[in-house]
């Protein structure tokens, strides 16, 4: 479970917080919206 914390395109943590994507090879995005 990764808490993005920042949603603007310039502040997304593509390096440190996203190691899980390479580890699990599967992604589910949970959001409160349409």
ModelCIF file with pLDDT and N, C-alpha, C, O atoms, coordinates in Angstrom:
data_MODEL
#
_entry.id   MODEL 
#
_entity.id                         1 
_entity.type                       polymer 
_entity.pdbx_number_of_molecules   1 
#
_entity_poly.entity_id                      1 
_entity_poly.type                           'polypeptide(L)' 
_entity_poly.nstd_linkage                   no 
_entity_poly.nstd_monomer                   no 
_entity_poly.pdbx_seq_one_letter_code       
;(UNK)(UNK)(UNK)(UNK)(UNK)(UNK)(UNK)(UNK)(UNK)(UNK)(UNK)(UNK)(UNK)(UNK)(UNK)(UNK)
(UNK)(UNK)(UNK)(UNK)(UNK)(UNK)(UNK)(UNK)(UNK)(UNK)(UNK)(UNK)(UNK)(UNK)(UNK)(UNK)
(UNK)(UNK)
;
_entity_poly.pdbx_seq_one_letter_code_can   XXXXXXXXXXXXXXXXXXXXXXXXXXXXXXXXXX 
_entity_poly.pdbx_strand_id                 A 
#
loop_
_entity_poly_seq.entity_id 
_entity_poly_seq.num 
_entity_poly_seq.mon_id 
_entity_poly_seq.hetero 
1 1  UNK n 
1 2  UNK n 
1 3  UNK n 
1 4  UNK n 
1 5  UNK n 
1 6  UNK n 
1 7  UNK n 
1 8  UNK n 
1 9  UNK n 
1 10 UNK n 
1 11 UNK n 
1 12 UNK n 
1 13 UNK n 
1 14 UNK n 
1 15 UNK n 
1 16 UNK n 
1 17 UNK n 
1 18 UNK n 
1 19 UNK n 
1 20 UNK n 
1 21 UNK n 
1 22 UNK n 
1 23 UNK n 
1 24 UNK n 
1 25 UNK n 
1 26 UNK n 
1 27 UNK n 
1 28 UNK n 
1 29 UNK n 
1 30 UNK n 
1 31 UNK n 
1 32 UNK n 
1 33 UNK n 
1 34 UNK n 
#
_struct_asym.id          A 
_struct_asym.entity_id   1 
#
loop_
_ma_qa_metric.id 
_ma_qa_metric.mode 
_ma_qa_metric.name 
_ma_qa_metric.software_group_id 
_ma_qa_metric.type 
1 global pLDDT . pLDDT 
2 local  pLDDT . pLDDT 
#
_ma_qa_metric_global.metric_id      1 
_ma_qa_metric_global.metric_value   86.59 
_ma_qa_metric_global.model_id       1 
_ma_qa_metric_global.ordinal_id     1 
#
loop_
_ma_qa_metric_local.label_asym_id 
_ma_qa_metric_local.label_comp_id 
_ma_qa_metric_local.label_seq_id 
_ma_qa_metric_local.metric_id 
_ma_qa_metric_local.metric_value 
_ma_qa_metric_local.model_id 
_ma_qa_metric_local.ordinal_id 
A UNK 1  2 95.00 1 1  
A UNK 2  2 94.00 1 2  
A UNK 3  2 92.00 1 3  
A UNK 4  2 92.00 1 4  
A UNK 5  2 88.00 1 5  
A UNK 6  2 86.00 1 6  
A UNK 7  2 84.00 1 7  
A UNK 8  2 84.00 1 8  
A UNK 9  2 83.00 1 9  
A UNK 10 2 84.00 1 10 
A UNK 11 2 85.00 1 11 
A UNK 12 2 89.00 1 12 
A UNK 13 2 88.00 1 13 
A UNK 14 2 84.00 1 14 
A UNK 15 2 80.00 1 15 
A UNK 16 2 70.00 1 16 
A UNK 17 2 65.00 1 17 
A UNK 18 2 79.00 1 18 
A UNK 19 2 87.00 1 19 
A UNK 20 2 88.00 1 20 
A UNK 21 2 90.00 1 21 
A UNK 22 2 90.00 1 22 
A UNK 23 2 92.00 1 23 
A UNK 24 2 94.00 1 24 
A UNK 25 2 93.00 1 25 
A UNK 26 2 93.00 1 26 
A UNK 27 2 94.00 1 27 
A UNK 28 2 93.00 1 28 
A UNK 29 2 93.00 1 29 
A UNK 30 2 93.00 1 30 
A UNK 31 2 90.00 1 31 
A UNK 32 2 84.00 1 32 
A UNK 33 2 77.00 1 33 
A UNK 34 2 71.00 1 34 
#
loop_
_atom_site.group_PDB 
_atom_site.id 
_atom_site.type_symbol 
_atom_site.label_atom_id 
_atom_site.label_alt_id 
_atom_site.label_comp_id 
_atom_site.label_asym_id 
_atom_site.label_entity_id 
_atom_site.label_seq_id 
_atom_site.pdbx_PDB_ins_code 
_atom_site.Cartn_x 
_atom_site.Cartn_y 
_atom_site.Cartn_z 
_atom_site.occupancy 
_atom_site.B_iso_or_equiv 
_atom_site.pdbx_formal_charge 
_atom_site.auth_seq_id 
_atom_site.auth_comp_id 
_atom_site.auth_asym_id 
_atom_site.auth_atom_id 
_atom_site.pdbx_PDB_model_num 
ATOM 1   N N  . UNK A 1 1  ? 0.846   -1.193 0.000   1.00 95.00 ? 1  UNK A N  1 
ATOM 2   C CA . UNK A 1 1  ? 0.000   0.000  0.000   1.00 95.00 ? 1  UNK A CA 1 
ATOM 3   C C  . UNK A 1 1  ? 0.878   1.239  0.000   1.00 95.00 ? 1  UNK A C  1 
ATOM 4   O O  . UNK A 1 1  ? 1.669   1.456  0.918   1.00 95.00 ? 1  UNK A O  1 
ATOM 5   N N  . UNK A 1 2  ? 0.729   2.051  -1.045  1.00 94.00 ? 2  UNK A N  1 
ATOM 6   C CA . UNK A 1 2  ? 1.534   3.269  -1.173  1.00 94.00 ? 2  UNK A CA 1 
ATOM 7   C C  . UNK A 1 2  ? 0.612   4.486  -1.116  1.00 94.00 ? 2  UNK A C  1 
ATOM 8   O O  . UNK A 1 2  ? -0.316  4.622  -1.913  1.00 94.00 ? 2  UNK A O  1 
ATOM 9   N N  . UNK A 1 3  ? 0.890   5.359  -0.161  1.00 92.00 ? 3  UNK A N  1 
ATOM 10  C CA . UNK A 1 3  ? 0.187   6.628  -0.012  1.00 92.00 ? 3  UNK A CA 1 
ATOM 11  C C  . UNK A 1 3  ? 0.940   7.647  -0.860  1.00 92.00 ? 3  UNK A C  1 
ATOM 12  O O  . UNK A 1 3  ? 2.077   7.998  -0.544  1.00 92.00 ? 3  UNK A O  1 
ATOM 13  N N  . UNK A 1 4  ? 0.322   8.117  -1.921  1.00 92.00 ? 4  UNK A N  1 
ATOM 14  C CA . UNK A 1 4  ? 1.000   9.040  -2.834  1.00 92.00 ? 4  UNK A CA 1 
ATOM 15  C C  . UNK A 1 4  ? 1.345   10.365 -2.158  1.00 92.00 ? 4  UNK A C  1 
ATOM 16  O O  . UNK A 1 4  ? 2.389   10.947 -2.451  1.00 92.00 ? 4  UNK A O  1 
ATOM 17  N N  . UNK A 1 5  ? 0.501   10.847 -1.274  1.00 88.00 ? 5  UNK A N  1 
ATOM 18  C CA . UNK A 1 5  ? 0.638   12.076 -0.508  1.00 88.00 ? 5  UNK A CA 1 
ATOM 19  C C  . UNK A 1 5  ? 0.650   13.343 -1.347  1.00 88.00 ? 5  UNK A C  1 
ATOM 20  O O  . UNK A 1 5  ? 0.068   14.340 -0.922  1.00 88.00 ? 5  UNK A O  1 
ATOM 21  N N  . UNK A 1 6  ? 1.270   13.358 -2.493  1.00 86.00 ? 6  UNK A N  1 
ATOM 22  C CA . UNK A 1 6  ? 1.297   14.524 -3.369  1.00 86.00 ? 6  UNK A CA 1 
ATOM 23  C C  . UNK A 1 6  ? 0.770   14.113 -4.733  1.00 86.00 ? 6  UNK A C  1 
ATOM 24  O O  . UNK A 1 6  ? 1.194   13.093 -5.278  1.00 86.00 ? 6  UNK A O  1 
ATOM 25  N N  . UNK A 1 7  ? -0.149  14.890 -5.292  1.00 84.00 ? 7  UNK A N  1 
ATOM 26  C CA . UNK A 1 7  ? -0.804  14.492 -6.536  1.00 84.00 ? 7  UNK A CA 1 
ATOM 27  C C  . UNK A 1 7  ? -0.387  15.315 -7.746  1.00 84.00 ? 7  UNK A C  1 
ATOM 28  O O  . UNK A 1 7  ? -0.701  14.943 -8.876  1.00 84.00 ? 7  UNK A O  1 
ATOM 29  N N  . UNK A 1 8  ? 0.311   16.421 -7.535  1.00 84.00 ? 8  UNK A N  1 
ATOM 30  C CA . UNK A 1 8  ? 0.713   17.189 -8.710  1.00 84.00 ? 8  UNK A CA 1 
ATOM 31  C C  . UNK A 1 8  ? 1.795   16.434 -9.465  1.00 84.00 ? 8  UNK A C  1 
ATOM 32  O O  . UNK A 1 8  ? 2.596   15.716 -8.866  1.00 84.00 ? 8  UNK A O  1 
ATOM 33  N N  . UNK A 1 9  ? 1.813   16.595 -10.744 1.00 83.00 ? 9  UNK A N  1 
ATOM 34  C CA . UNK A 1 9  ? 2.711   15.808 -11.601 1.00 83.00 ? 9  UNK A CA 1 
ATOM 35  C C  . UNK A 1 9  ? 4.180   16.013 -11.270 1.00 83.00 ? 9  UNK A C  1 
ATOM 36  O O  . UNK A 1 9  ? 4.987   15.098 -11.434 1.00 83.00 ? 9  UNK A O  1 
ATOM 37  N N  . UNK A 1 10 ? 4.528   17.187 -10.814 1.00 84.00 ? 10 UNK A N  1 
ATOM 38  C CA . UNK A 1 10 ? 5.936   17.456 -10.505 1.00 84.00 ? 10 UNK A CA 1 
ATOM 39  C C  . UNK A 1 10 ? 6.379   16.797 -9.200  1.00 84.00 ? 10 UNK A C  1 
ATOM 40  O O  . UNK A 1 10 ? 7.571   16.559 -9.009  1.00 84.00 ? 10 UNK A O  1 
ATOM 41  N N  . UNK A 1 11 ? 5.442   16.500 -8.302  1.00 85.00 ? 11 UNK A N  1 
ATOM 42  C CA . UNK A 1 11 ? 5.816   15.982 -6.982  1.00 85.00 ? 11 UNK A CA 1 
ATOM 43  C C  . UNK A 1 11 ? 5.553   14.495 -6.790  1.00 85.00 ? 11 UNK A C  1 
ATOM 44  O O  . UNK A 1 11 ? 5.732   13.990 -5.682  1.00 85.00 ? 11 UNK A O  1 
ATOM 45  N N  . UNK A 1 12 ? 5.137   13.777 -7.826  1.00 89.00 ? 12 UNK A N  1 
ATOM 46  C CA . UNK A 1 12 ? 4.947   12.334 -7.674  1.00 89.00 ? 12 UNK A CA 1 
ATOM 47  C C  . UNK A 1 12 ? 6.297   11.659 -7.468  1.00 89.00 ? 12 UNK A C  1 
ATOM 48  O O  . UNK A 1 12 ? 7.275   11.972 -8.147  1.00 89.00 ? 12 UNK A O  1 
ATOM 49  N N  . UNK A 1 13 ? 6.332   10.741 -6.533  1.00 88.00 ? 13 UNK A N  1 
ATOM 50  C CA . UNK A 1 13 ? 7.579   10.057 -6.170  1.00 88.00 ? 13 UNK A CA 1 
ATOM 51  C C  . UNK A 1 13 ? 7.772   8.843  -7.071  1.00 88.00 ? 13 UNK A C  1 
ATOM 52  O O  . UNK A 1 13 ? 7.445   7.722  -6.680  1.00 88.00 ? 13 UNK A O  1 
ATOM 53  N N  . UNK A 1 14 ? 8.297   9.057  -8.268  1.00 84.00 ? 14 UNK A N  1 
ATOM 54  C CA . UNK A 1 14 ? 8.487   7.966  -9.230  1.00 84.00 ? 14 UNK A CA 1 
ATOM 55  C C  . UNK A 1 14 ? 9.654   7.080  -8.840  1.00 84.00 ? 14 UNK A C  1 
ATOM 56  O O  . UNK A 1 14 ? 9.713   5.926  -9.264  1.00 84.00 ? 14 UNK A O  1 
ATOM 57  N N  . UNK A 1 15 ? 10.563  7.577  -8.060  1.00 80.00 ? 15 UNK A N  1 
ATOM 58  C CA . UNK A 1 15 ? 11.771  6.804  -7.753  1.00 80.00 ? 15 UNK A CA 1 
ATOM 59  C C  . UNK A 1 15 ? 11.622  5.960  -6.483  1.00 80.00 ? 15 UNK A C  1 
ATOM 60  O O  . UNK A 1 15 ? 11.630  4.731  -6.555  1.00 80.00 ? 15 UNK A O  1 
ATOM 61  N N  . UNK A 1 16 ? 11.488  6.599  -5.343  1.00 70.00 ? 16 UNK A N  1 
ATOM 62  C CA . UNK A 1 16 ? 11.503  5.871  -4.075  1.00 70.00 ? 16 UNK A CA 1 
ATOM 63  C C  . UNK A 1 16 ? 10.193  5.162  -3.751  1.00 70.00 ? 16 UNK A C  1 
ATOM 64  O O  . UNK A 1 16 ? 10.197  3.991  -3.369  1.00 70.00 ? 16 UNK A O  1 
ATOM 65  N N  . UNK A 1 17 ? 9.091   5.856  -3.899  1.00 65.00 ? 17 UNK A N  1 
ATOM 66  C CA . UNK A 1 17 ? 7.821   5.290  -3.486  1.00 65.00 ? 17 UNK A CA 1 
ATOM 67  C C  . UNK A 1 17 ? 7.247   4.267  -4.448  1.00 65.00 ? 17 UNK A C  1 
ATOM 68  O O  . UNK A 1 17 ? 6.233   3.639  -4.142  1.00 65.00 ? 17 UNK A O  1 
ATOM 69  N N  . UNK A 1 18 ? 7.865   4.087  -5.589  1.00 79.00 ? 18 UNK A N  1 
ATOM 70  C CA . UNK A 1 18 ? 7.272   3.249  -6.627  1.00 79.00 ? 18 UNK A CA 1 
ATOM 71  C C  . UNK A 1 18 ? 8.038   1.948  -6.838  1.00 79.00 ? 18 UNK A C  1 
ATOM 72  O O  . UNK A 1 18 ? 7.811   1.244  -7.822  1.00 79.00 ? 18 UNK A O  1 
ATOM 73  N N  . UNK A 1 19 ? 8.921   1.634  -5.942  1.00 87.00 ? 19 UNK A N  1 
ATOM 74  C CA . UNK A 1 19 ? 9.650   0.366  -6.051  1.00 87.00 ? 19 UNK A CA 1 
ATOM 75  C C  . UNK A 1 19 ? 8.712   -0.828 -5.979  1.00 87.00 ? 19 UNK A C  1 
ATOM 76  O O  . UNK A 1 19 ? 9.016   -1.898 -6.505  1.00 87.00 ? 19 UNK A O  1 
ATOM 77  N N  . UNK A 1 20 ? 7.576   -0.639 -5.327  1.00 88.00 ? 20 UNK A N  1 
ATOM 78  C CA . UNK A 1 20 ? 6.591   -1.719 -5.213  1.00 88.00 ? 20 UNK A CA 1 
ATOM 79  C C  . UNK A 1 20 ? 6.065   -2.187 -6.553  1.00 88.00 ? 20 UNK A C  1 
ATOM 80  O O  . UNK A 1 20 ? 5.741   -3.363 -6.715  1.00 88.00 ? 20 UNK A O  1 
ATOM 81  N N  . UNK A 1 21 ? 5.976   -1.284 -7.515  1.00 90.00 ? 21 UNK A N  1 
ATOM 82  C CA . UNK A 1 21 ? 5.480   -1.657 -8.847  1.00 90.00 ? 21 UNK A CA 1 
ATOM 83  C C  . UNK A 1 21 ? 6.424   -2.670 -9.477  1.00 90.00 ? 21 UNK A C  1 
ATOM 84  O O  . UNK A 1 21 ? 5.981   -3.665 -10.049 1.00 90.00 ? 21 UNK A O  1 
ATOM 85  N N  . UNK A 1 22 ? 7.699   -2.421 -9.373  1.00 90.00 ? 22 UNK A N  1 
ATOM 86  C CA . UNK A 1 22 ? 8.675   -3.348 -9.939  1.00 90.00 ? 22 UNK A CA 1 
ATOM 87  C C  . UNK A 1 22 ? 8.712   -4.658 -9.165  1.00 90.00 ? 22 UNK A C  1 
ATOM 88  O O  . UNK A 1 22 ? 9.029   -5.705 -9.731  1.00 90.00 ? 22 UNK A O  1 
ATOM 89  N N  . UNK A 1 23 ? 8.390   -4.609 -7.871  1.00 92.00 ? 23 UNK A N  1 
ATOM 90  C CA . UNK A 1 23 ? 8.404   -5.810 -7.041  1.00 92.00 ? 23 UNK A CA 1 
ATOM 91  C C  . UNK A 1 23 ? 7.175   -6.698 -7.307  1.00 92.00 ? 23 UNK A C  1 
ATOM 92  O O  . UNK A 1 23 ? 7.314   -7.907 -7.496  1.00 92.00 ? 23 UNK A O  1 
ATOM 93  N N  . UNK A 1 24 ? 5.981   -6.101 -7.323  1.00 94.00 ? 24 UNK A N  1 
ATOM 94  C CA . UNK A 1 24 ? 4.761   -6.904 -7.449  1.00 94.00 ? 24 UNK A CA 1 
ATOM 95  C C  . UNK A 1 24 ? 4.324   -7.128 -8.891  1.00 94.00 ? 24 UNK A C  1 
ATOM 96  O O  . UNK A 1 24 ? 3.649   -8.113 -9.188  1.00 94.00 ? 24 UNK A O  1 
ATOM 97  N N  . UNK A 1 25 ? 4.702   -6.230 -9.779  1.00 93.00 ? 25 UNK A N  1 
ATOM 98  C CA . UNK A 1 25 ? 4.365   -6.306 -11.207 1.00 93.00 ? 25 UNK A CA 1 
ATOM 99  C C  . UNK A 1 25 ? 2.867   -6.164 -11.478 1.00 93.00 ? 25 UNK A C  1 
ATOM 100 O O  . UNK A 1 25 ? 2.405   -6.483 -12.573 1.00 93.00 ? 25 UNK A O  1 
ATOM 101 N N  . UNK A 1 26 ? 2.109   -5.692 -10.494 1.00 93.00 ? 26 UNK A N  1 
ATOM 102 C CA . UNK A 1 26 ? 0.677   -5.467 -10.635 1.00 93.00 ? 26 UNK A CA 1 
ATOM 103 C C  . UNK A 1 26 ? 0.316   -4.188 -9.891  1.00 93.00 ? 26 UNK A C  1 
ATOM 104 O O  . UNK A 1 26 ? 0.848   -3.918 -8.815  1.00 93.00 ? 26 UNK A O  1 
ATOM 105 N N  . UNK A 1 27 ? -0.600  -3.395 -10.474 1.00 94.00 ? 27 UNK A N  1 
ATOM 106 C CA . UNK A 1 27 ? -0.976  -2.121 -9.870  1.00 94.00 ? 27 UNK A CA 1 
ATOM 107 C C  . UNK A 1 27 ? -2.490  -1.984 -9.819  1.00 94.00 ? 27 UNK A C  1 
ATOM 108 O O  . UNK A 1 27 ? -3.189  -2.268 -10.791 1.00 94.00 ? 27 UNK A O  1 
ATOM 109 N N  . UNK A 1 28 ? -2.974  -1.549 -8.678  1.00 93.00 ? 28 UNK A N  1 
ATOM 110 C CA . UNK A 1 28 ? -4.378  -1.207 -8.482  1.00 93.00 ? 28 UNK A CA 1 
ATOM 111 C C  . UNK A 1 28 ? -4.415  0.216  -7.954  1.00 93.00 ? 28 UNK A C  1 
ATOM 112 O O  . UNK A 1 28 ? -3.731  0.536  -6.982  1.00 93.00 ? 28 UNK A O  1 
ATOM 113 N N  . UNK A 1 29 ? -5.211  1.075  -8.589  1.00 93.00 ? 29 UNK A N  1 
ATOM 114 C CA . UNK A 1 29 ? -5.330  2.456  -8.152  1.00 93.00 ? 29 UNK A CA 1 
ATOM 115 C C  . UNK A 1 29 ? -6.671  2.615  -7.450  1.00 93.00 ? 29 UNK A C  1 
ATOM 116 O O  . UNK A 1 29 ? -7.719  2.294  -8.011  1.00 93.00 ? 29 UNK A O  1 
ATOM 117 N N  . UNK A 1 30 ? -6.630  3.112  -6.224  1.00 93.00 ? 30 UNK A N  1 
ATOM 118 C CA . UNK A 1 30 ? -7.847  3.328  -5.442  1.00 93.00 ? 30 UNK A CA 1 
ATOM 119 C C  . UNK A 1 30 ? -8.029  4.826  -5.281  1.00 93.00 ? 30 UNK A C  1 
ATOM 120 O O  . UNK A 1 30 ? -7.164  5.513  -4.739  1.00 93.00 ? 30 UNK A O  1 
ATOM 121 N N  . UNK A 1 31 ? -9.172  5.331  -5.761  1.00 90.00 ? 31 UNK A N  1 
ATOM 122 C CA . UNK A 1 31 ? -9.444  6.752  -5.620  1.00 90.00 ? 31 UNK A CA 1 
ATOM 123 C C  . UNK A 1 31 ? -10.917 6.967  -5.327  1.00 90.00 ? 31 UNK A C  1 
ATOM 124 O O  . UNK A 1 31 ? -11.751 6.095  -5.571  1.00 90.00 ? 31 UNK A O  1 
ATOM 125 N N  . UNK A 1 32 ? -11.215 8.127  -4.808  1.00 84.00 ? 32 UNK A N  1 
ATOM 126 C CA . UNK A 1 32 ? -12.581 8.487  -4.503  1.00 84.00 ? 32 UNK A CA 1 
ATOM 127 C C  . UNK A 1 32 ? -13.024 9.479  -5.569  1.00 84.00 ? 32 UNK A C  1 
ATOM 128 O O  . UNK A 1 32 ? -12.919 10.692 -5.387  1.00 84.00 ? 32 UNK A O  1 
ATOM 129 N N  . UNK A 1 33 ? -13.509 8.960  -6.660  1.00 77.00 ? 33 UNK A N  1 
ATOM 130 C CA . UNK A 1 33 ? -13.920 9.818  -7.756  1.00 77.00 ? 33 UNK A CA 1 
ATOM 131 C C  . UNK A 1 33 ? -14.494 8.999  -8.887  1.00 77.00 ? 33 UNK A C  1 
ATOM 132 O O  . UNK A 1 33 ? -14.497 7.769  -8.850  1.00 77.00 ? 33 UNK A O  1 
ATOM 133 N N  . UNK A 1 34 ? -14.974 9.690  -9.878  1.00 71.00 ? 34 UNK A N  1 
ATOM 134 C CA . UNK A 1 34 ? -15.583 9.026  -11.029 1.00 71.00 ? 34 UNK A CA 1 
ATOM 135 C C  . UNK A 1 34 ? -14.513 8.467  -11.950 1.00 71.00 ? 34 UNK A C  1 
ATOM 136 O O  . UNK A 1 34 ? -14.834 7.870  -12.978 1.00 71.00 ? 34 UNK A O  1 
#
